[in-house]
Amino acid sequence: MFSEGSIPDWWPTLLALVAITSTLYTLWQLGGFRELLREAGARLALLAATFACVPHLFRRRRWFLHQLFLAGVMNLHVVGFVGLFIGMIISLQTGIELARFGQQDQIGPLVAAGMAREMGPFITAIILASTFGSALAAEMGTMAVSDELTALEVMSIDRVSLLILPRVAALAIICPLLTVVCDMIGILGGGFVANAQLGVGWNLYLDSAFAALSGLGDTIPFPKDVYTGLFKSFCFGILIAIVSCQSGSEARGGALGVGRATSRAVRDSAIGIIVANYFLTWVFYGGAS
């Protein structure tokens, strides 16, 4: 068709488009892919409906405060304990390598930046997804299989405003607060390991750690590593609440359906946290290079 060396420039692009189209068509024929798109659409619709109900939050303040207590106080010890050992692990692992080059004084900045940027928000979100998120899915699922959600609709009560808004708002607030606790305890745990096992003085460790977090961002006059981590936690909290509530509200088939909905909520929340973490990191730090 074409002589040797005369293949048009558009030919590779055409082949790529054909391959992409074929792949998308194949995926569309798979029931699982269609179900994935349906769930994503349902969660986005639920998120939009929740934001539309934000003016109702003051009326739901009693439920909101109750959810704050359940998500925050009841999980504070778990976040603190895990954050302590995460900081100690980061300090030990980085310190062993830095000691080979005589750079132990850099342990503080590495632990502080690692906790504030990534590990604090990520660990806090995973803990909340596996504890409070699973409880949300089970609670909503039990209400769904016992027709309580249907009863609310019959009585013309907005279930998004009554049930979902307080839970989403509570997680959106408590996740950043618990992240601050996780960051602080993790940095202190890293300092304990640096001092006890790597011979780094407390004053040097703390001074270098706080100096690493004191750099102001270009757009917001606040330490960038701190506000990026808190913004990630805010997004993670909303994601966990929306995914858990939506999964639970679609539970069918009695106790078995509730169990499946809870498992799906934790799985999808963890995957969403990991994917969102990458894209948020790229947004904040991708242009730095």
C-alpha atoms as a PDB file:
ATOM      1  CA  MET A   1       0.000   0.000   0.000  1.00  0.00           C
ATOM      2  CA  PHE A   2       2.829   2.350   0.907  1.00  0.00           C
ATOM      3  CA  SER A   3       6.295   2.228  -0.547  1.00  0.00           C
ATOM      4  CA  GLU A   4       9.225   1.584   1.759  1.00  0.00           C
ATOM      5  CA  GLY A   5      10.019   4.596   3.928  1.00  0.00           C
ATOM      6  CA  SER A   6       6.812   6.429   2.891  1.00  0.00           C
ATOM      7  CA  ILE A   7       4.519   5.555   5.853  1.00  0.00           C
ATOM      8  CA  PRO A   8       2.461   8.677   6.653  1.00  0.00           C
ATOM      9  CA  ASP A   9       3.070  10.491   9.940  1.00  0.00           C
ATOM     10  CA  TRP A  10      -0.560   9.991  10.980  1.00  0.00           C
ATOM     11  CA  TRP A  11      -0.363   6.212  10.775  1.00  0.00           C
ATOM     12  CA  PRO A  12       0.967   5.591  14.359  1.00  0.00           C
ATOM     13  CA  THR A  13      -1.685   7.962  15.726  1.00  0.00           C
ATOM     14  CA  LEU A  14      -4.415   6.066  13.896  1.00  0.00           C
ATOM     15  CA  LEU A  15      -3.186   2.754  15.262  1.00  0.00           C
ATOM     16  CA  ALA A  16      -3.127   4.176  18.788  1.00  0.00           C
ATOM     17  CA  LEU A  17      -6.695   5.464  18.445  1.00  0.00           C
ATOM     18  CA  VAL A  18      -7.881   2.104  17.137  1.00  0.00           C
ATOM     19  CA  ALA A  19      -6.202   0.307  20.047  1.00  0.00           C
ATOM     20  CA  ILE A  20      -7.679   2.687  22.622  1.00  0.00           C
ATOM     21  CA  THR A  21     -11.156   2.452  21.091  1.00  0.00           C
ATOM     22  CA  SER A  22     -11.007  -1.334  21.004  1.00  0.00           C
ATOM     23  CA  THR A  23      -9.869  -1.492  24.607  1.00  0.00           C
ATOM     24  CA  LEU A  24     -12.642   0.843  25.787  1.00  0.00           C
ATOM     25  CA  TYR A  25     -15.260  -1.122  23.861  1.00  0.00           C
ATOM     26  CA  THR A  26     -14.032  -4.385  25.381  1.00  0.00           C
ATOM     27  CA  LEU A  27     -14.137  -2.909  28.882  1.00  0.00           C
ATOM     28  CA  TRP A  28     -17.615  -1.562  28.265  1.00  0.00           C
ATOM     29  CA  GLN A  29     -18.843  -5.046  27.436  1.00  0.00           C
ATOM     30  CA  LEU A  30     -17.636  -6.275  30.811  1.00  0.00           C
ATOM     31  CA  GLY A  31     -20.296  -6.024  33.495  1.00  0.00           C
ATOM     32  CA  GLY A  32     -17.762  -5.158  36.170  1.00  0.00           C
ATOM     33  CA  PHE A  33     -16.550  -2.102  34.293  1.00  0.00           C
ATOM     34  CA  ARG A  34     -20.100  -0.818  33.801  1.00  0.00           C
ATOM     35  CA  GLU A  35     -20.795  -1.402  37.489  1.00  0.00           C
ATOM     36  CA  LEU A  36     -17.636   0.546  38.365  1.00  0.00           C
ATOM     37  CA  LEU A  37     -18.807   3.493  36.285  1.00  0.00           C
ATOM     38  CA  ARG A  38     -22.267   3.304  37.827  1.00  0.00           C
ATOM     39  CA  GLU A  39     -20.841   3.352  41.366  1.00  0.00           C
ATOM     40  CA  ALA A  40     -18.557   6.267  40.514  1.00  0.00           C
ATOM     41  CA  GLY A  41     -21.511   8.213  39.124  1.00  0.00           C
ATOM     42  CA  ALA A  42     -23.650   7.418  42.177  1.00  0.00           C
ATOM     43  CA  ARG A  43     -20.895   8.611  44.516  1.00  0.00           C
ATOM     44  CA  LEU A  44     -20.392  11.838  42.595  1.00  0.00           C
ATOM     45  CA  ALA A  45     -24.149  12.453  42.672  1.00  0.00           C
ATOM     46  CA  LEU A  46     -24.198  11.801  46.419  1.00  0.00           C
ATOM     47  CA  LEU A  47     -21.290  14.204  46.896  1.00  0.00           C
ATOM     48  CA  ALA A  48     -23.120  16.919  44.969  1.00  0.00           C
ATOM     49  CA  ALA A  49     -26.307  16.333  46.974  1.00  0.00           C
ATOM     50  CA  THR A  50     -24.335  16.538  50.220  1.00  0.00           C
ATOM     51  CA  PHE A  51     -22.744  19.847  49.265  1.00  0.00           C
ATOM     52  CA  ALA A  52     -26.199  21.163  48.384  1.00  0.00           C
ATOM     53  CA  CYS A  53     -27.354  20.323  51.929  1.00  0.00           C
ATOM     54  CA  VAL A  54     -24.493  22.134  53.691  1.00  0.00           C
ATOM     55  CA  PRO A  55     -26.826  25.000  54.816  1.00  0.00           C
ATOM     56  CA  HIS A  56     -28.739  22.375  56.850  1.00  0.00           C
ATOM     57  CA  LEU A  57     -25.690  21.539  58.969  1.00  0.00           C
ATOM     58  CA  PHE A  58     -26.627  23.845  61.858  1.00  0.00           C
ATOM     59  CA  ARG A  59     -29.961  22.054  62.215  1.00  0.00           C
ATOM     60  CA  ARG A  60     -28.120  18.733  62.336  1.00  0.00           C
ATOM     61  CA  ARG A  61     -25.561  19.924  64.859  1.00  0.00           C
ATOM     62  CA  ARG A  62     -26.475  17.288  67.477  1.00  0.00           C
ATOM     63  CA  TRP A  63     -25.858  14.449  65.012  1.00  0.00           C
ATOM     64  CA  PHE A  64     -22.771  16.241  63.743  1.00  0.00           C
ATOM     65  CA  LEU A  65     -21.232  16.514  67.217  1.00  0.00           C
ATOM     66  CA  HIS A  66     -22.048  12.878  67.914  1.00  0.00           C
ATOM     67  CA  GLN A  67     -20.253  11.800  64.748  1.00  0.00           C
ATOM     68  CA  LEU A  68     -17.286  14.006  65.672  1.00  0.00           C
ATOM     69  CA  PHE A  69     -17.023  12.146  68.966  1.00  0.00           C
ATOM     70  CA  LEU A  70     -17.285   8.720  67.354  1.00  0.00           C
ATOM     71  CA  ALA A  71     -14.767   9.471  64.602  1.00  0.00           C
ATOM     72  CA  GLY A  72     -12.329  11.537  66.657  1.00  0.00           C
ATOM     73  CA  VAL A  73     -12.245  10.597  70.314  1.00  0.00           C
ATOM     74  CA  MET A  74     -12.895   6.898  69.754  1.00  0.00           C
ATOM     75  CA  ASN A  75     -10.011   6.624  67.273  1.00  0.00           C
ATOM     76  CA  LEU A  76      -7.554   9.035  68.878  1.00  0.00           C
ATOM     77  CA  HIS A  77      -5.581   6.356  70.695  1.00  0.00           C
ATOM     78  CA  VAL A  78      -5.265   4.215  67.547  1.00  0.00           C
ATOM     79  CA  VAL A  79      -4.022   7.139  65.440  1.00  0.00           C
ATOM     80  CA  GLY A  80      -1.551   8.157  68.142  1.00  0.00           C
ATOM     81  CA  PHE A  81      -0.202   4.643  68.620  1.00  0.00           C
ATOM     82  CA  VAL A  82       0.230   3.954  64.918  1.00  0.00           C
ATOM     83  CA  GLY A  83       1.667   7.432  64.288  1.00  0.00           C
ATOM     84  CA  LEU A  84       4.256   6.868  67.023  1.00  0.00           C
ATOM     85  CA  PHE A  85       5.586   3.700  65.433  1.00  0.00           C
ATOM     86  CA  ILE A  86       5.423   5.092  61.908  1.00  0.00           C
ATOM     87  CA  GLY A  87       7.662   7.966  62.999  1.00  0.00           C
ATOM     88  CA  MET A  88      10.003   5.552  64.731  1.00  0.00           C
ATOM     89  CA  ILE A  89      10.203   3.333  61.640  1.00  0.00           C
ATOM     90  CA  ILE A  90      10.946   6.276  59.327  1.00  0.00           C
ATOM     91  CA  SER A  91      13.619   7.539  61.707  1.00  0.00           C
ATOM     92  CA  LEU A  92      15.263   4.135  62.091  1.00  0.00           C
ATOM     93  CA  GLN A  93      15.245   3.257  58.399  1.00  0.00           C
ATOM     94  CA  THR A  94      16.516   6.628  57.182  1.00  0.00           C
ATOM     95  CA  GLY A  95      18.913   6.967  60.087  1.00  0.00           C
ATOM     96  CA  ILE A  96      20.648   3.674  59.356  1.00  0.00           C
ATOM     97  CA  GLU A  97      21.357   4.779  55.791  1.00  0.00           C
ATOM     98  CA  LEU A  98      22.312   8.349  56.723  1.00  0.00           C
ATOM     99  CA  ALA A  99      24.698   7.073  59.396  1.00  0.00           C
ATOM    100  CA  ARG A 100      26.739   5.385  56.673  1.00  0.00           C
ATOM    101  CA  PHE A 101      27.528   8.856  55.302  1.00  0.00           C
ATOM    102  CA  GLY A 102      27.723  10.677  58.627  1.00  0.00           C
ATOM    103  CA  GLN A 103      24.517  12.644  57.963  1.00  0.00           C
ATOM    104  CA  GLN A 104      22.471  11.759  61.029  1.00  0.00           C
ATOM    105  CA  ASP A 105      21.617  15.417  61.532  1.00  0.00           C
ATOM    106  CA  GLN A 106      19.259  15.145  58.524  1.00  0.00           C
ATOM    107  CA  ILE A 107      16.976  12.660  60.262  1.00  0.00           C
ATOM    108  CA  GLY A 108      14.789  15.407  61.710  1.00  0.00           C
ATOM    109  CA  PRO A 109      13.890  17.077  58.392  1.00  0.00           C
ATOM    110  CA  LEU A 110      13.232  13.720  56.712  1.00  0.00           C
ATOM    111  CA  VAL A 111      10.923  12.473  59.458  1.00  0.00           C
ATOM    112  CA  ALA A 112       9.092  15.811  59.728  1.00  0.00           C
ATOM    113  CA  ALA A 113       8.579  16.165  55.978  1.00  0.00           C
ATOM    114  CA  GLY A 114       7.627  12.520  55.557  1.00  0.00           C
ATOM    115  CA  MET A 115       5.022  12.659  58.325  1.00  0.00           C
ATOM    116  CA  ALA A 116       3.535  16.014  57.314  1.00  0.00           C
ATOM    117  CA  ARG A 117       3.436  15.407  53.569  1.00  0.00           C
ATOM    118  CA  GLU A 118       2.524  11.758  53.233  1.00  0.00           C
ATOM    119  CA  MET A 119       2.508   9.360  56.140  1.00  0.00           C
ATOM    120  CA  GLY A 120       0.408  11.412  58.567  1.00  0.00           C
ATOM    121  CA  PRO A 121      -2.519  12.028  56.190  1.00  0.00           C
ATOM    122  CA  PHE A 122      -2.272   8.574  54.627  1.00  0.00           C
ATOM    123  CA  ILE A 123      -2.097   6.574  57.854  1.00  0.00           C
ATOM    124  CA  THR A 124      -4.868   8.617  59.477  1.00  0.00           C
ATOM    125  CA  ALA A 125      -7.150   8.134  56.480  1.00  0.00           C
ATOM    126  CA  ILE A 126      -6.511   4.381  56.313  1.00  0.00           C
ATOM    127  CA  ILE A 127      -7.283   4.020  60.031  1.00  0.00           C
ATOM    128  CA  LEU A 128     -10.513   6.007  59.704  1.00  0.00           C
ATOM    129  CA  ALA A 129     -11.531   4.028  56.613  1.00  0.00           C
ATOM    130  CA  SER A 130     -11.031   0.703  58.364  1.00  0.00           C
ATOM    131  CA  THR A 131     -12.708   1.734  61.637  1.00  0.00           C
ATOM    132  CA  PHE A 132     -15.197   4.545  61.242  1.00  0.00           C
ATOM    133  CA  GLY A 133     -15.792   4.037  57.510  1.00  0.00           C
ATOM    134  CA  SER A 134     -16.645   0.369  57.977  1.00  0.00           C
ATOM    135  CA  ALA A 135     -18.982   1.306  60.833  1.00  0.00           C
ATOM    136  CA  LEU A 136     -20.714   3.862  58.603  1.00  0.00           C
ATOM    137  CA  ALA A 137     -21.211   1.309  55.836  1.00  0.00           C
ATOM    138  CA  ALA A 138     -22.562  -1.278  58.273  1.00  0.00           C
ATOM    139  CA  GLU A 139     -24.909   1.249  59.873  1.00  0.00           C
ATOM    140  CA  MET A 140     -26.258   2.507  56.543  1.00  0.00           C
ATOM    141  CA  GLY A 141     -26.468  -1.053  55.225  1.00  0.00           C
ATOM    142  CA  THR A 142     -28.512  -2.200  58.218  1.00  0.00           C
ATOM    143  CA  MET A 143     -30.881   0.705  57.693  1.00  0.00           C
ATOM    144  CA  ALA A 144     -31.149  -0.167  54.000  1.00  0.00           C
ATOM    145  CA  VAL A 145     -31.954  -3.877  54.434  1.00  0.00           C
ATOM    146  CA  SER A 146     -34.465  -3.125  57.207  1.00  0.00           C
ATOM    147  CA  ASP A 147     -36.256  -0.577  54.941  1.00  0.00           C
ATOM    148  CA  GLU A 148     -35.545   2.346  57.280  1.00  0.00           C
ATOM    149  CA  LEU A 149     -34.175   4.398  54.388  1.00  0.00           C
ATOM    150  CA  THR A 150     -37.331   3.658  52.404  1.00  0.00           C
ATOM    151  CA  ALA A 151     -39.412   4.778  55.378  1.00  0.00           C
ATOM    152  CA  LEU A 152     -37.592   8.108  55.420  1.00  0.00           C
ATOM    153  CA  GLU A 153     -38.456   8.610  51.765  1.00  0.00           C
ATOM    154  CA  VAL A 154     -42.102   7.755  52.417  1.00  0.00           C
ATOM    155  CA  MET A 155     -42.177  10.396  55.166  1.00  0.00           C
ATOM    156  CA  SER A 156     -40.548  12.915  52.748  1.00  0.00           C
ATOM    157  CA  ILE A 157     -37.454  13.237  54.946  1.00  0.00           C
ATOM    158  CA  ASP A 158     -34.246  14.016  53.083  1.00  0.00           C
ATOM    159  CA  ARG A 159     -31.928  11.193  54.100  1.00  0.00           C
ATOM    160  CA  VAL A 160     -28.889  13.016  52.688  1.00  0.00           C
ATOM    161  CA  SER A 161     -29.505  15.973  54.988  1.00  0.00           C
ATOM    162  CA  LEU A 162     -30.402  13.825  58.000  1.00  0.00           C
ATOM    163  CA  LEU A 163     -27.946  10.937  57.778  1.00  0.00           C
ATOM    164  CA  ILE A 164     -25.123  11.633  55.345  1.00  0.00           C
ATOM    165  CA  LEU A 165     -24.362  15.342  55.783  1.00  0.00           C
ATOM    166  CA  PRO A 166     -23.393  15.081  59.506  1.00  0.00           C
ATOM    167  CA  ARG A 167     -21.121  12.125  58.790  1.00  0.00           C
ATOM    168  CA  VAL A 168     -19.390  13.725  55.812  1.00  0.00           C
ATOM    169  CA  ALA A 169     -18.879  17.011  57.673  1.00  0.00           C
ATOM    170  CA  ALA A 170     -17.572  15.207  60.756  1.00  0.00           C
ATOM    171  CA  LEU A 171     -14.986  13.219  58.798  1.00  0.00           C
ATOM    172  CA  ALA A 172     -13.962  16.275  56.765  1.00  0.00           C
ATOM    173  CA  ILE A 173     -13.094  18.069  60.013  1.00  0.00           C
ATOM    174  CA  ILE A 174     -11.815  15.248  62.198  1.00  0.00           C
ATOM    175  CA  CYS A 175      -9.438  13.738  59.624  1.00  0.00           C
ATOM    176  CA  PRO A 176      -7.190  16.856  59.477  1.00  0.00           C
ATOM    177  CA  LEU A 177      -7.301  17.182  63.270  1.00  0.00           C
ATOM    178  CA  LEU A 178      -6.239  13.586  63.771  1.00  0.00           C
ATOM    179  CA  THR A 179      -3.557  14.101  61.131  1.00  0.00           C
ATOM    180  CA  VAL A 180      -2.042  16.880  63.246  1.00  0.00           C
ATOM    181  CA  VAL A 181      -1.959  14.495  66.217  1.00  0.00           C
ATOM    182  CA  CYS A 182      -0.408  11.746  64.085  1.00  0.00           C
ATOM    183  CA  ASP A 183       2.231  14.144  62.719  1.00  0.00           C
ATOM    184  CA  MET A 184       3.231  15.451  66.143  1.00  0.00           C
ATOM    185  CA  ILE A 185       3.438  12.049  67.807  1.00  0.00           C
ATOM    186  CA  GLY A 186       5.256  10.595  64.799  1.00  0.00           C
ATOM    187  CA  ILE A 187       7.879  13.348  64.883  1.00  0.00           C
ATOM    188  CA  LEU A 188       8.372  12.818  68.621  1.00  0.00           C
ATOM    189  CA  GLY A 189       8.664   9.056  68.097  1.00  0.00           C
ATOM    190  CA  GLY A 190      11.271   9.645  65.406  1.00  0.00           C
ATOM    191  CA  GLY A 191      13.170  11.876  67.801  1.00  0.00           C
ATOM    192  CA  PHE A 192      13.183   9.166  70.456  1.00  0.00           C
ATOM    193  CA  VAL A 193      14.760   6.671  68.045  1.00  0.00           C
ATOM    194  CA  ALA A 194      17.207   9.272  66.689  1.00  0.00           C
ATOM    195  CA  ASN A 195      18.351  10.123  70.198  1.00  0.00           C
ATOM    196  CA  ALA A 196      18.397   6.643  71.730  1.00  0.00           C
ATOM    197  CA  GLN A 197      19.758   4.586  68.847  1.00  0.00           C
ATOM    198  CA  LEU A 198      21.488   6.993  66.462  1.00  0.00           C
ATOM    199  CA  GLY A 199      23.076   9.462  68.854  1.00  0.00           C
ATOM    200  CA  VAL A 200      21.297  12.588  67.598  1.00  0.00           C
ATOM    201  CA  GLY A 201      20.643  15.202  70.285  1.00  0.00           C
ATOM    202  CA  TRP A 202      17.061  16.221  71.008  1.00  0.00           C
ATOM    203  CA  ASN A 203      17.733  19.910  70.435  1.00  0.00           C
ATOM    204  CA  LEU A 204      19.376  19.284  67.071  1.00  0.00           C
ATOM    205  CA  TYR A 205      16.608  16.924  66.007  1.00  0.00           C
ATOM    206  CA  LEU A 206      13.732  19.214  66.968  1.00  0.00           C
ATOM    207  CA  ASP A 207      15.371  22.360  65.599  1.00  0.00           C
ATOM    208  CA  SER A 208      16.028  20.736  62.228  1.00  0.00           C
ATOM    209  CA  ALA A 209      12.565  19.155  62.115  1.00  0.00           C
ATOM    210  CA  PHE A 210      10.731  22.419  62.780  1.00  0.00           C
ATOM    211  CA  ALA A 211      13.038  24.286  60.403  1.00  0.00           C
ATOM    212  CA  ALA A 212      12.093  21.825  57.644  1.00  0.00           C
ATOM    213  CA  LEU A 213       8.400  22.595  58.190  1.00  0.00           C
ATOM    214  CA  SER A 214       8.747  26.353  58.488  1.00  0.00           C
ATOM    215  CA  GLY A 215       9.132  27.171  54.793  1.00  0.00           C
ATOM    216  CA  LEU A 216       6.162  29.217  53.557  1.00  0.00           C
ATOM    217  CA  GLY A 217       4.351  28.318  50.352  1.00  0.00           C
ATOM    218  CA  ASP A 218       4.379  30.556  47.293  1.00  0.00           C
ATOM    219  CA  THR A 219       0.579  30.933  47.182  1.00  0.00           C
ATOM    220  CA  ILE A 220      -0.498  30.539  50.813  1.00  0.00           C
ATOM    221  CA  PRO A 221       1.587  32.205  53.576  1.00  0.00           C
ATOM    222  CA  PHE A 222       1.696  29.004  55.636  1.00  0.00           C
ATOM    223  CA  PRO A 223       4.170  26.099  55.765  1.00  0.00           C
ATOM    224  CA  LYS A 224       3.564  24.221  52.523  1.00  0.00           C
ATOM    225  CA  ASP A 225       4.244  20.743  53.858  1.00  0.00           C
ATOM    226  CA  VAL A 226       1.701  21.347  56.623  1.00  0.00           C
ATOM    227  CA  TYR A 227      -1.177  22.748  54.601  1.00  0.00           C
ATOM    228  CA  THR A 228      -0.766  20.224  51.785  1.00  0.00           C
ATOM    229  CA  GLY A 229      -1.007  17.383  54.297  1.00  0.00           C
ATOM    230  CA  LEU A 230      -4.065  18.919  55.939  1.00  0.00           C
ATOM    231  CA  PHE A 231      -5.749  19.475  52.587  1.00  0.00           C
ATOM    232  CA  LYS A 232      -5.100  15.853  51.682  1.00  0.00           C
ATOM    233  CA  SER A 233      -6.697  14.785  54.966  1.00  0.00           C
ATOM    234  CA  PHE A 234      -9.713  16.982  54.274  1.00  0.00           C
ATOM    235  CA  CYS A 235     -10.210  15.333  50.882  1.00  0.00           C
ATOM    236  CA  PHE A 236      -9.610  11.858  52.310  1.00  0.00           C
ATOM    237  CA  GLY A 237     -12.231  12.412  55.009  1.00  0.00           C
ATOM    238  CA  ILE A 238     -14.879  13.402  52.471  1.00  0.00           C
ATOM    239  CA  LEU A 239     -13.935  10.459  50.233  1.00  0.00           C
ATOM    240  CA  ILE A 240     -14.213   7.931  53.079  1.00  0.00           C
ATOM    241  CA  ALA A 241     -17.610   9.231  54.195  1.00  0.00           C
ATOM    242  CA  ILE A 242     -19.113   9.363  50.697  1.00  0.00           C
ATOM    243  CA  VAL A 243     -17.860   5.921  49.678  1.00  0.00           C
ATOM    244  CA  SER A 244     -18.942   4.313  52.952  1.00  0.00           C
ATOM    245  CA  CYS A 245     -22.406   5.884  53.018  1.00  0.00           C
ATOM    246  CA  GLN A 246     -23.073   5.115  49.364  1.00  0.00           C
ATOM    247  CA  SER A 247     -21.907   1.507  49.663  1.00  0.00           C
ATOM    248  CA  GLY A 248     -24.001   0.947  52.771  1.00  0.00           C
ATOM    249  CA  SER A 249     -27.146   2.551  51.374  1.00  0.00           C
ATOM    250  CA  GLU A 250     -27.078   0.140  48.408  1.00  0.00           C
ATOM    251  CA  ALA A 251     -26.829  -2.985  50.564  1.00  0.00           C
ATOM    252  CA  ARG A 252     -29.352  -5.700  49.708  1.00  0.00           C
ATOM    253  CA  GLY A 253     -29.963  -9.235  50.908  1.00  0.00           C
ATOM    254  CA  GLY A 254     -29.938  -9.079  54.691  1.00  0.00           C
ATOM    255  CA  ALA A 255     -26.847  -9.628  56.840  1.00  0.00           C
ATOM    256  CA  LEU A 256     -24.838 -11.052  53.934  1.00  0.00           C
ATOM    257  CA  GLY A 257     -25.481  -7.908  51.893  1.00  0.00           C
ATOM    258  CA  VAL A 258     -24.424  -5.689  54.793  1.00  0.00           C
ATOM    259  CA  GLY A 259     -21.170  -7.609  55.110  1.00  0.00           C
ATOM    260  CA  ARG A 260     -20.452  -7.284  51.400  1.00  0.00           C
ATOM    261  CA  ALA A 261     -21.247  -3.561  51.462  1.00  0.00           C
ATOM    262  CA  THR A 262     -18.906  -3.018  54.407  1.00  0.00           C
ATOM    263  CA  SER A 263     -16.094  -4.929  52.693  1.00  0.00           C
ATOM    264  CA  ARG A 264     -16.641  -2.963  49.483  1.00  0.00           C
ATOM    265  CA  ALA A 265     -16.618   0.337  51.368  1.00  0.00           C
ATOM    266  CA  VAL A 266     -13.255  -0.350  53.032  1.00  0.00           C
ATOM    267  CA  ARG A 267     -11.732  -1.659  49.800  1.00  0.00           C
ATOM    268  CA  ASP A 268     -12.900   1.251  47.657  1.00  0.00           C
ATOM    269  CA  SER A 269     -11.941   3.798  50.320  1.00  0.00           C
ATOM    270  CA  ALA A 270      -8.391   2.443  50.516  1.00  0.00           C
ATOM    271  CA  ILE A 271      -8.025   2.433  46.729  1.00  0.00           C
ATOM    272  CA  GLY A 272      -9.475   5.930  46.484  1.00  0.00           C
ATOM    273  CA  ILE A 273      -7.111   7.237  49.153  1.00  0.00           C
ATOM    274  CA  ILE A 274      -4.074   5.852  47.342  1.00  0.00           C
ATOM    275  CA  VAL A 275      -5.143   7.196  43.942  1.00  0.00           C
ATOM    276  CA  ALA A 276      -6.183  10.594  45.326  1.00  0.00           C
ATOM    277  CA  ASN A 277      -2.922  10.820  47.269  1.00  0.00           C
ATOM    278  CA  TYR A 278      -0.918  10.488  44.062  1.00  0.00           C
ATOM    279  CA  PHE A 279      -2.859  13.137  42.172  1.00  0.00           C
ATOM    280  CA  LEU A 280      -2.898  15.588  45.092  1.00  0.00           C
ATOM    281  CA  THR A 281       0.859  15.164  45.495  1.00  0.00           C
ATOM    282  CA  TRP A 282       1.300  15.794  41.781  1.00  0.00           C
ATOM    283  CA  VAL A 283      -0.841  18.943  41.992  1.00  0.00           C
ATOM    284  CA  PHE A 284       1.138  20.405  44.886  1.00  0.00           C
ATOM    285  CA  TYR A 285       4.636  19.162  44.119  1.00  0.00           C
ATOM    286  CA  GLY A 286       4.625  17.994  40.515  1.00  0.00           C
ATOM    287  CA  GLY A 287       5.488  21.431  39.134  1.00  0.00           C
ATOM    288  CA  ALA A 288       8.366  21.894  41.544  1.00  0.00           C
ATOM    289  CA  SER A 289      10.710  20.040  39.241  1.00  0.00           C
END
